[in-house]
Amino acid sequence: MATLAALFERERTGAGKQIDVSMVATATRFMAPRIVPFLGSGDPPTRSGGTDSVIAIYQVFETADFPITLGLGNDAIWQRFWEAVDQPAYGKQAGFETNAKRRQARATIVAAIAKILATQRREHWLALFARHRIPAGPINSIDQLVDDPPLRAAGMFFAGQGAVGRVPQVGLGIAFDGASAVYRTPPPALGQDTERILAERLSMSATCIAGLIDAEIV
């Protein structure tokens, strides 16, 4: 972001910028959603595994096989969820009318949802929730991730022929004008391009390069 901003400023004014990006400051900035409430209230947050969202309910649940994320982000989704699981009366009972009230009853609600979701496999719930427009998604292990049909269709995982065999690769996930980056060469073996770079970039003679190799410098 800083580089893009500097390039844009250069195009606009002709002046360059010196950029200093702190890893610690950057990581701190990503914690703003937790830091700002603390600065405002003085109450330090504690580890919660993501179960203390201001939205009730927005967290991970276990199913009969694999975990899923579930987000009941507003009153309409809340009602759709309970209709989807064939328990509409539960969602309409007193004390659950608003997000604020559901936050107060979070523990009770989470226990009820967890009991329901544990009765069926993940794919059952994801298909059901998709039909009822309820935000939910899988939490994949690595082996499940690399078998994800949309990612495979997008060419996210591929392999290139390296010096000693095929080398697995992962794409960038970036497309320009509908096309992703084109694979060109596999990762080089150690020292594979040393002689070429010395000759082409530093204009070293073959004799000089041979001397560096004999001296085990390169």
Protein backbone atom coordinates (compact mmCIF):
# COMPACT_ATOMS: atom_id res chain seq x y z
CA MET A 1 0.00 0.00 0.00
CA ALA A 2 2.80 2.38 0.87
CA THR A 3 4.60 1.64 -2.40
CA LEU A 4 1.44 2.22 -4.44
CA ALA A 5 0.80 5.48 -2.60
CA ALA A 6 4.38 6.62 -3.25
CA LEU A 7 4.12 5.75 -6.94
CA PHE A 8 0.84 7.65 -7.21
CA GLU A 9 2.40 10.68 -5.50
CA ARG A 10 5.37 10.54 -7.85
CA GLU A 11 3.07 10.55 -10.85
CA ARG A 12 1.20 13.51 -9.40
CA THR A 13 4.10 15.66 -8.15
CA GLY A 14 7.27 14.09 -9.53
CA ALA A 15 8.67 13.70 -6.01
CA GLY A 16 9.81 10.39 -4.59
CA LYS A 17 9.31 9.07 -1.07
CA GLN A 18 11.43 7.16 1.41
CA ILE A 19 9.25 4.42 2.90
CA ASP A 20 9.77 2.93 6.35
CA VAL A 21 7.43 0.06 7.24
CA SER A 22 7.64 -1.37 10.75
CA MET A 23 6.57 -5.00 11.11
CA VAL A 24 5.68 -4.43 14.76
CA ALA A 25 3.66 -1.30 13.99
CA THR A 26 1.92 -3.06 11.12
CA ALA A 27 0.95 -6.02 13.29
CA THR A 28 -0.23 -3.57 15.95
CA ARG A 29 -2.42 -1.77 13.42
CA PHE A 30 -4.15 -5.03 12.55
CA MET A 31 -5.09 -5.30 16.24
CA ALA A 32 -7.02 -2.01 16.09
CA PRO A 33 -10.43 -3.73 16.52
CA ARG A 34 -9.21 -4.95 19.92
CA ILE A 35 -7.04 -1.98 20.88
CA VAL A 36 -9.63 0.74 20.33
CA PRO A 37 -12.26 -0.81 22.66
CA PHE A 38 -9.57 -1.20 25.33
CA LEU A 39 -8.45 2.41 24.96
CA GLY A 40 -12.06 3.51 25.25
CA SER A 41 -13.12 1.31 28.14
CA GLY A 42 -9.94 0.33 29.95
CA ASP A 43 -11.04 -3.31 29.96
CA PRO A 44 -8.32 -5.53 28.46
CA PRO A 45 -9.61 -8.29 26.16
CA THR A 46 -8.89 -11.91 27.05
CA ARG A 47 -8.33 -14.93 24.84
CA SER A 48 -11.65 -16.16 23.55
CA GLY A 49 -11.00 -18.10 20.37
CA GLY A 50 -13.11 -15.57 18.50
CA THR A 51 -16.24 -16.30 20.53
CA ASP A 52 -16.61 -12.81 22.00
CA SER A 53 -17.68 -11.01 18.82
CA VAL A 54 -20.07 -8.10 19.21
CA ILE A 55 -22.31 -10.13 16.91
CA ALA A 56 -24.21 -12.96 18.56
CA ILE A 57 -23.64 -15.48 17.14
CA TYR A 58 -20.43 -15.37 15.07
CA GLN A 59 -17.96 -18.18 15.74
CA VAL A 60 -16.74 -21.71 15.02
CA PHE A 61 -18.86 -24.76 15.72
CA GLU A 62 -18.10 -28.47 15.50
CA THR A 63 -20.30 -30.65 13.33
CA ALA A 64 -20.46 -34.44 13.23
CA ASP A 65 -17.20 -34.50 11.30
CA PHE A 66 -15.50 -31.15 10.57
CA PRO A 67 -15.83 -27.63 12.01
CA ILE A 68 -17.62 -24.73 10.33
CA THR A 69 -17.90 -21.01 10.88
CA LEU A 70 -21.38 -19.61 11.44
CA GLY A 71 -22.40 -15.95 11.38
CA LEU A 72 -25.88 -14.94 12.51
CA GLY A 73 -25.18 -11.29 11.86
CA ASN A 74 -28.63 -9.71 12.05
CA ASP A 75 -32.18 -10.38 13.15
CA ALA A 76 -33.30 -11.70 9.74
CA ILE A 77 -30.44 -14.22 9.54
CA TRP A 78 -31.11 -15.20 13.14
CA GLN A 79 -34.70 -16.12 12.28
CA ARG A 80 -33.70 -17.89 9.04
CA PHE A 81 -31.25 -20.06 10.95
CA TRP A 82 -33.87 -21.38 13.34
CA GLU A 83 -36.32 -21.93 10.51
CA ALA A 84 -33.61 -23.84 8.61
CA VAL A 85 -32.98 -26.18 11.56
CA ASP A 86 -36.75 -26.61 11.99
CA GLN A 87 -36.91 -24.86 15.35
CA PRO A 88 -38.48 -21.45 14.54
CA ALA A 89 -40.03 -21.13 18.01
CA TYR A 90 -36.60 -21.13 19.64
CA GLY A 91 -35.48 -18.10 17.66
CA LYS A 92 -38.65 -16.17 18.46
CA GLN A 93 -38.65 -16.67 22.22
CA ALA A 94 -38.40 -13.73 24.60
CA GLY A 95 -34.87 -12.54 25.31
CA PHE A 96 -33.56 -13.22 21.81
CA GLU A 97 -35.26 -10.33 19.95
CA THR A 98 -32.12 -8.23 19.35
CA ASN A 99 -28.40 -8.76 19.01
CA ALA A 100 -27.84 -6.99 22.32
CA LYS A 101 -30.15 -9.42 24.09
CA ARG A 102 -28.61 -12.40 22.33
CA ARG A 103 -25.19 -11.30 23.50
CA GLN A 104 -26.42 -11.49 27.07
CA ALA A 105 -27.68 -15.03 26.43
CA ARG A 106 -24.68 -16.07 24.33
CA ALA A 107 -23.68 -19.09 26.43
CA THR A 108 -27.20 -20.55 26.31
CA ILE A 109 -27.55 -19.97 22.57
CA VAL A 110 -24.11 -21.38 21.74
CA ALA A 111 -24.89 -24.54 23.69
CA ALA A 112 -28.18 -24.97 21.81
CA ILE A 113 -26.59 -24.44 18.39
CA ALA A 114 -23.64 -26.71 19.20
CA LYS A 115 -26.02 -29.53 20.15
CA ILE A 116 -27.88 -29.18 16.85
CA LEU A 117 -24.83 -28.94 14.59
CA ALA A 118 -23.23 -31.99 16.18
CA THR A 119 -26.00 -34.18 14.79
CA GLN A 120 -25.06 -33.86 11.09
CA ARG A 121 -21.95 -33.74 8.94
CA ARG A 122 -20.46 -30.49 7.71
CA GLU A 123 -21.62 -30.82 4.11
CA HIS A 124 -25.21 -31.26 5.25
CA TRP A 125 -25.16 -27.99 7.18
CA LEU A 126 -23.32 -26.01 4.52
CA ALA A 127 -25.80 -27.08 1.86
CA LEU A 128 -28.74 -26.28 4.12
CA PHE A 129 -27.39 -22.89 5.13
CA ALA A 130 -26.62 -22.00 1.53
CA ARG A 131 -30.25 -22.60 0.60
CA HIS A 132 -31.43 -20.40 3.47
CA ARG A 133 -28.86 -17.64 2.86
CA ILE A 134 -27.10 -18.13 6.20
CA PRO A 135 -23.40 -17.14 6.28
CA ALA A 136 -21.36 -20.26 6.98
CA GLY A 137 -18.21 -21.82 5.67
CA PRO A 138 -15.83 -24.74 6.13
CA ILE A 139 -12.61 -24.67 8.11
CA ASN A 140 -10.37 -26.77 5.92
CA SER A 141 -7.31 -28.79 6.75
CA ILE A 142 -4.50 -28.42 4.22
CA ASP A 143 -5.41 -31.63 2.41
CA GLN A 144 -9.02 -30.44 2.15
CA LEU A 145 -7.95 -27.00 0.99
CA VAL A 146 -5.89 -28.25 -1.94
CA ASP A 147 -8.88 -30.32 -3.09
CA ASP A 148 -11.18 -27.28 -3.11
CA PRO A 149 -12.91 -27.32 -6.53
CA PRO A 150 -13.00 -23.53 -7.12
CA LEU A 151 -9.30 -23.18 -6.24
CA ARG A 152 -8.36 -26.07 -8.50
CA ALA A 153 -10.47 -24.68 -11.33
CA ALA A 154 -8.65 -21.36 -10.93
CA GLY A 155 -5.28 -23.14 -11.31
CA MET A 156 -4.16 -22.21 -7.80
CA PHE A 157 -2.13 -25.41 -7.40
CA PHE A 158 0.24 -26.69 -10.05
CA ALA A 159 3.72 -28.12 -10.53
CA GLY A 160 6.70 -27.22 -12.66
CA GLN A 161 9.47 -29.43 -13.94
CA GLY A 162 12.58 -28.68 -11.92
CA ALA A 163 16.13 -29.93 -12.22
CA VAL A 164 15.43 -33.04 -10.13
CA GLY A 165 11.71 -33.55 -10.70
CA ARG A 166 8.38 -31.78 -10.54
CA VAL A 167 8.14 -28.98 -7.98
CA PRO A 168 4.72 -28.19 -6.41
CA GLN A 169 3.68 -24.55 -6.63
CA VAL A 170 0.92 -22.30 -5.27
CA GLY A 171 -0.45 -19.43 -7.36
CA LEU A 172 -0.77 -15.82 -6.25
CA GLY A 173 -4.54 -15.67 -6.41
CA ILE A 174 -4.30 -12.43 -8.42
CA ALA A 175 -5.85 -12.00 -11.84
CA PHE A 176 -5.51 -9.07 -14.23
CA ASP A 177 -8.25 -8.74 -16.85
CA GLY A 178 -9.49 -12.17 -15.87
CA ALA A 179 -6.16 -13.94 -16.24
CA SER A 180 -3.78 -15.01 -13.48
CA ALA A 181 0.00 -14.86 -13.67
CA VAL A 182 1.48 -17.25 -16.21
CA TYR A 183 3.88 -19.92 -14.96
CA ARG A 184 7.32 -19.48 -16.52
CA THR A 185 10.08 -21.38 -14.73
CA PRO A 186 10.35 -23.67 -11.68
CA PRO A 187 12.29 -22.61 -8.58
CA PRO A 188 15.99 -22.88 -9.49
CA ALA A 189 18.31 -25.42 -7.92
CA LEU A 190 21.05 -24.05 -5.69
CA GLY A 191 23.55 -22.20 -7.87
CA GLN A 192 21.70 -23.04 -11.06
CA ASP A 193 21.98 -19.53 -12.53
CA THR A 194 25.19 -18.35 -10.85
CA GLU A 195 27.45 -18.61 -13.89
CA ARG A 196 24.92 -16.99 -16.20
CA ILE A 197 24.34 -14.07 -13.84
CA LEU A 198 28.07 -13.51 -13.35
CA ALA A 199 28.60 -13.48 -17.10
CA GLU A 200 25.53 -11.46 -18.11
CA ARG A 201 25.16 -9.04 -15.23
CA LEU A 202 28.77 -8.59 -14.11
CA SER A 203 30.41 -9.28 -17.50
CA MET A 204 32.84 -11.77 -15.98
CA SER A 205 34.91 -13.90 -18.35
CA ALA A 206 34.69 -17.68 -18.39
CA THR A 207 38.22 -17.81 -16.98
CA CYS A 208 37.32 -15.55 -14.07
CA ILE A 209 34.20 -17.57 -13.27
CA ALA A 210 36.14 -20.81 -13.46
CA GLY A 211 38.61 -19.36 -10.96
CA LEU A 212 35.81 -18.50 -8.53
CA ILE A 213 34.45 -22.01 -8.84
CA ASP A 214 37.87 -23.61 -8.30
CA ALA A 215 38.34 -21.44 -5.19
CA GLU A 216 34.89 -22.53 -3.98
CA ILE A 217 33.77 -18.90 -3.80
CA VAL A 218 30.72 -19.69 -5.89
